[in-house]
Amino acid sequence: MWKITPLHVGSVTTIAGGLIMKHGAKSNPGELVQVPHIAWLLEDASRNRRILVDTGSDNNNERNSRLHNPVDRSKGKHIVKALEDKGLQPGDIDAIIVTHLHWDHAQAVLDLPSTLPVICQKSELLFAVAPYPTDAKHYETAVKDQVPYFLQCYHQYELVEGEEVIEPGLSVVPLPGHSCGSQGVIVDTKDGRFVIAGDLINIRQNWEKRTPGGIYNDIKAYFESFARLDKLEKEGAVILPAHDFWVFENYPVMG
């Protein structure tokens, strides 16, 4: 059985409409909110295995704030420091699973050992290389004179297609909608089953109201992914959002 520990690896200031689809003046979609970047430490003590789900961004706050949204480290930490706080070093990690390749979920892969396998949906990598113009910002594919971060670790990818068992008690499921190749990570613990849903579920409200996030590339796929999560929840799984302090308040450790 696995244990899941969410790691606060930074915070970002964004608009409410980027987290949950909102329209109209009364809904105030432009309200500024601060949300966490979360990496997830999975540990199976019986097999001495440690896997990260997502990594957060790198430590270049000035650059990330300029290209994306204001990044704050005062209430959160870079992934290496977050691991150190748990008594771990980057070399203690066995693999990385990325829910998708957006900068705030995969950029700090480059700050971890280059020998680590990075498990990603093939469809996500293919889309990231040539995204829609509206999605290019999230992958930094249009930044002049730069090889995008997700291509700098190309040799590390272990690509999957669709649902796949990664290790005992650990599997991935496609959850497209937010991005073409987003995936959820299904984890079995002694406290039950949990689904790390990535940015399909930014905040708890997305799930409670079955309302997509404000950043999406396929709204039909988004609702089909909601249906997959509905089935998993009816089977007893807890759905975990990617950018909500609710996680730390309710599930500081699972398993």
Protein backbone atom coordinates (compact mmCIF):
# COMPACT_ATOMS: atom_id res chain seq x y z
CA MET A 1 0.00 0.00 0.00
CA TRP A 2 1.07 3.53 -0.74
CA LYS A 3 1.22 6.61 1.43
CA ILE A 4 0.53 10.00 -0.18
CA THR A 5 1.98 13.24 1.16
CA PRO A 6 1.09 16.49 -0.64
CA LEU A 7 4.06 18.87 -0.87
CA HIS A 8 3.53 22.63 -1.04
CA VAL A 9 6.09 23.69 -3.65
CA GLY A 10 5.06 27.31 -4.21
CA SER A 11 2.05 29.55 -4.64
CA VAL A 12 0.79 31.53 -7.60
CA THR A 13 -1.54 34.51 -7.88
CA THR A 14 -4.08 34.12 -10.66
CA ILE A 15 -7.65 35.09 -11.51
CA ALA A 16 -10.59 33.08 -10.25
CA GLY A 17 -11.77 32.60 -13.82
CA GLY A 18 -8.60 30.65 -14.59
CA LEU A 19 -9.46 28.10 -11.93
CA ILE A 20 -13.17 27.66 -12.54
CA MET A 21 -15.23 28.68 -15.54
CA LYS A 22 -17.05 31.87 -14.58
CA HIS A 23 -19.04 34.37 -16.63
CA GLY A 24 -20.71 37.65 -15.84
CA ALA A 25 -19.87 40.62 -13.65
CA LYS A 26 -21.56 39.17 -10.55
CA SER A 27 -19.33 36.09 -10.62
CA ASN A 28 -16.22 38.33 -10.59
CA PRO A 29 -14.04 36.03 -12.73
CA GLY A 30 -11.20 38.55 -12.52
CA GLU A 31 -10.90 38.30 -8.72
CA LEU A 32 -7.27 37.70 -7.74
CA VAL A 33 -6.68 34.55 -5.70
CA GLN A 34 -3.57 32.77 -4.45
CA VAL A 35 -3.41 29.01 -4.82
CA PRO A 36 -0.71 26.42 -4.12
CA HIS A 37 1.41 24.42 -6.47
CA ILE A 38 1.30 20.84 -5.22
CA ALA A 39 3.66 17.94 -5.82
CA TRP A 40 2.69 14.55 -4.42
CA LEU A 41 5.11 12.20 -2.70
CA LEU A 42 4.06 8.55 -2.98
CA GLU A 43 5.83 6.04 -0.75
CA ASP A 44 5.49 2.27 -0.54
CA ALA A 45 7.58 1.33 2.50
CA SER A 46 7.12 -2.39 1.95
CA ARG A 47 8.99 -2.15 -1.35
CA ASN A 48 11.14 0.89 -0.54
CA ARG A 49 9.66 2.80 -3.49
CA ARG A 50 9.20 6.57 -3.77
CA ILE A 51 7.50 8.27 -6.69
CA LEU A 52 6.68 11.93 -7.29
CA VAL A 53 3.52 13.02 -9.04
CA ASP A 54 4.29 16.44 -10.56
CA THR A 55 7.17 18.66 -9.45
CA GLY A 56 6.03 22.28 -9.51
CA SER A 57 8.08 25.01 -11.17
CA ASP A 58 11.77 25.78 -10.97
CA ASN A 59 13.31 28.43 -8.71
CA ASN A 60 13.41 31.27 -11.27
CA ASN A 61 10.56 33.25 -9.74
CA GLU A 62 11.30 36.42 -11.73
CA ARG A 63 11.13 34.65 -15.04
CA ASN A 64 8.09 32.54 -14.17
CA SER A 65 6.24 35.56 -12.80
CA ARG A 66 7.00 37.46 -16.01
CA LEU A 67 5.97 34.70 -18.39
CA HIS A 68 3.03 33.35 -16.39
CA ASN A 69 1.56 34.57 -13.09
CA PRO A 70 3.23 35.97 -9.94
CA VAL A 71 4.98 33.14 -8.11
CA ASP A 72 5.55 33.26 -4.35
CA ARG A 73 7.89 30.97 -2.41
CA SER A 74 7.35 32.48 1.05
CA LYS A 75 4.57 30.02 1.90
CA GLY A 76 5.84 27.14 -0.18
CA LYS A 77 9.09 25.60 -1.27
CA HIS A 78 10.88 24.33 -4.32
CA ILE A 79 10.60 20.57 -4.75
CA VAL A 80 14.16 19.87 -3.55
CA LYS A 81 13.58 21.81 -0.30
CA ALA A 82 10.20 20.17 0.17
CA LEU A 83 11.84 16.75 -0.08
CA GLU A 84 14.57 17.81 2.36
CA ASP A 85 11.86 18.78 4.84
CA LYS A 86 10.70 15.16 4.69
CA GLY A 87 14.23 13.88 5.26
CA LEU A 88 14.73 12.95 1.62
CA GLN A 89 17.16 13.82 -1.14
CA PRO A 90 16.36 13.91 -4.86
CA GLY A 91 18.34 10.70 -5.27
CA ASP A 92 15.84 8.91 -3.02
CA ILE A 93 13.14 9.26 -5.70
CA ASP A 94 12.61 6.34 -8.09
CA ALA A 95 10.38 7.90 -10.75
CA ILE A 96 8.20 10.88 -11.66
CA ILE A 97 4.66 10.82 -13.01
CA VAL A 98 3.46 14.05 -14.61
CA THR A 99 -0.28 14.70 -14.78
CA HIS A 100 0.53 16.98 -17.74
CA LEU A 101 3.43 19.06 -19.02
CA HIS A 102 2.39 22.62 -18.13
CA TRP A 103 5.21 24.66 -16.57
CA ASP A 104 3.77 24.66 -13.03
CA HIS A 105 3.57 20.86 -12.98
CA ALA A 106 6.66 19.70 -14.87
CA GLN A 107 9.26 22.46 -15.03
CA ALA A 108 11.21 21.30 -11.95
CA VAL A 109 11.75 17.86 -13.47
CA LEU A 110 15.01 19.48 -14.61
CA ASP A 111 16.02 20.13 -10.99
CA LEU A 112 15.85 16.42 -10.17
CA PRO A 113 18.20 13.62 -11.28
CA SER A 114 18.29 13.25 -15.05
CA THR A 115 18.25 9.47 -14.66
CA LEU A 116 14.69 9.40 -13.31
CA PRO A 117 12.02 8.00 -15.63
CA VAL A 118 9.24 10.49 -16.33
CA ILE A 119 5.89 8.82 -17.01
CA CYS A 120 3.70 10.86 -19.33
CA GLN A 121 0.84 10.23 -21.75
CA LYS A 122 2.15 10.06 -25.33
CA SER A 123 -0.70 12.32 -26.46
CA GLU A 124 0.42 15.02 -24.00
CA LEU A 125 4.00 15.09 -25.27
CA LEU A 126 2.88 15.18 -28.90
CA PHE A 127 0.50 18.06 -28.19
CA ALA A 128 3.07 20.00 -26.15
CA VAL A 129 5.48 20.05 -29.09
CA ALA A 130 2.89 21.71 -31.34
CA PRO A 131 0.10 23.11 -29.13
CA TYR A 132 -2.73 25.40 -30.12
CA PRO A 133 -1.57 29.04 -30.04
CA THR A 134 -3.69 29.61 -26.93
CA ASP A 135 -1.89 26.75 -25.16
CA ALA A 136 1.68 27.56 -26.16
CA LYS A 137 2.22 29.82 -23.14
CA HIS A 138 1.66 26.97 -20.72
CA TYR A 139 4.38 24.87 -22.40
CA GLU A 140 6.70 27.82 -23.18
CA THR A 141 7.00 26.63 -26.77
CA ALA A 142 6.96 30.19 -28.13
CA VAL A 143 9.75 31.60 -25.93
CA LYS A 144 12.50 32.87 -28.24
CA ASP A 145 15.94 31.19 -28.17
CA GLN A 146 14.86 28.53 -25.70
CA VAL A 147 14.44 24.78 -25.91
CA PRO A 148 11.22 24.16 -23.96
CA TYR A 149 11.87 22.65 -20.53
CA PHE A 150 9.84 19.52 -21.30
CA LEU A 151 12.11 18.70 -24.25
CA GLN A 152 15.28 19.10 -22.20
CA CYS A 153 14.35 15.88 -20.37
CA TYR A 154 13.24 14.05 -23.50
CA HIS A 155 15.54 11.08 -22.82
CA GLN A 156 13.72 10.45 -19.52
CA TYR A 157 10.22 9.89 -20.87
CA GLU A 158 8.43 6.60 -20.49
CA LEU A 159 5.33 7.19 -22.57
CA VAL A 160 2.02 5.51 -21.84
CA GLU A 161 -1.14 5.38 -23.92
CA GLY A 162 -4.40 5.34 -22.03
CA GLU A 163 -5.02 3.48 -18.80
CA GLU A 164 -2.01 1.66 -17.47
CA VAL A 165 -0.85 0.01 -14.25
CA ILE A 166 2.47 1.60 -13.25
CA GLU A 167 3.20 -0.44 -10.13
CA PRO A 168 1.10 -2.49 -7.71
CA GLY A 169 -1.62 -0.21 -6.32
CA LEU A 170 -0.68 2.61 -8.68
CA SER A 171 -2.15 3.33 -12.11
CA VAL A 172 -2.89 6.18 -14.50
CA VAL A 173 -6.10 7.08 -16.31
CA PRO A 174 -6.54 9.59 -19.16
CA LEU A 175 -8.34 12.78 -18.07
CA PRO A 176 -8.14 15.06 -21.12
CA GLY A 177 -9.90 18.40 -21.29
CA HIS A 178 -7.57 20.77 -19.48
CA SER A 179 -4.84 19.62 -21.84
CA CYS A 180 -4.87 17.06 -24.61
CA GLY A 181 -3.00 14.39 -22.67
CA SER A 182 -3.79 15.12 -19.03
CA GLN A 183 -3.89 12.03 -16.84
CA GLY A 184 -5.03 11.20 -13.34
CA VAL A 185 -3.06 9.01 -10.95
CA ILE A 186 -5.01 6.37 -9.01
CA VAL A 187 -3.37 5.42 -5.72
CA ASP A 188 -4.41 2.70 -3.28
CA THR A 189 -3.63 3.40 0.40
CA LYS A 190 -4.69 1.87 3.70
CA ASP A 191 -7.07 4.84 4.00
CA GLY A 192 -8.69 3.97 0.67
CA ARG A 193 -8.30 4.92 -2.95
CA PHE A 194 -7.38 8.44 -4.07
CA VAL A 195 -7.24 10.04 -7.50
CA ILE A 196 -4.73 12.82 -8.10
CA ALA A 197 -6.72 14.56 -10.81
CA GLY A 198 -4.27 17.16 -12.09
CA ASP A 199 -5.70 20.40 -13.41
CA LEU A 200 -8.92 18.80 -14.56
CA ILE A 201 -9.84 19.61 -10.94
CA ASN A 202 -8.01 22.80 -10.01
CA ILE A 203 -10.00 23.49 -6.86
CA ARG A 204 -12.61 21.57 -4.92
CA GLN A 205 -15.39 23.68 -6.46
CA ASN A 206 -14.65 22.30 -9.91
CA TRP A 207 -15.65 18.89 -8.65
CA GLU A 208 -18.46 19.86 -6.29
CA LYS A 209 -20.17 21.90 -9.02
CA ARG A 210 -18.97 19.76 -11.95
CA THR A 211 -17.70 22.99 -13.51
CA PRO A 212 -14.60 22.96 -15.74
CA GLY A 213 -11.59 25.11 -15.09
CA GLY A 214 -11.13 28.29 -17.05
CA ILE A 215 -8.19 26.85 -19.00
CA TYR A 216 -9.23 24.01 -21.28
CA ASN A 217 -8.62 22.84 -24.84
CA ASP A 218 -11.51 20.41 -25.32
CA ILE A 219 -14.73 21.01 -23.43
CA LYS A 220 -16.34 17.77 -24.67
CA ALA A 221 -13.37 15.76 -23.44
CA TYR A 222 -13.55 17.68 -20.15
CA PHE A 223 -17.04 16.40 -19.40
CA GLU A 224 -16.14 12.90 -20.52
CA SER A 225 -13.29 13.02 -18.00
CA PHE A 226 -15.74 14.19 -15.34
CA ALA A 227 -17.74 11.03 -16.10
CA ARG A 228 -14.63 8.89 -15.55
CA LEU A 229 -14.08 10.55 -12.19
CA ASP A 230 -17.76 10.13 -11.31
CA LYS A 231 -17.39 6.39 -11.80
CA LEU A 232 -14.26 6.26 -9.66
CA GLU A 233 -15.90 8.29 -6.88
CA LYS A 234 -18.94 6.01 -6.88
CA GLU A 235 -16.51 3.12 -6.41
CA GLY A 236 -15.15 4.85 -3.30
CA ALA A 237 -12.26 6.99 -4.52
CA VAL A 238 -11.52 10.48 -3.17
CA ILE A 239 -10.85 13.07 -5.89
CA LEU A 240 -7.91 15.37 -5.11
CA PRO A 241 -7.62 18.85 -6.69
CA ALA A 242 -4.31 20.23 -7.94
CA HIS A 243 -4.39 23.83 -6.69
CA ASP A 244 -6.36 24.00 -3.47
CA PHE A 245 -5.24 24.57 0.13
CA TRP A 246 -8.19 22.28 0.96
CA VAL A 247 -5.81 19.36 0.33
CA PHE A 248 -3.42 20.35 3.14
CA GLU A 249 -6.28 21.10 5.52
CA ASN A 250 -8.12 17.80 4.94
CA TYR A 251 -5.53 15.31 3.67
CA PRO A 252 -2.04 16.21 4.97
CA VAL A 253 -1.17 12.51 4.77
CA MET A 254 -3.10 9.64 3.17
CA GLY A 255 -2.21 6.11 4.16
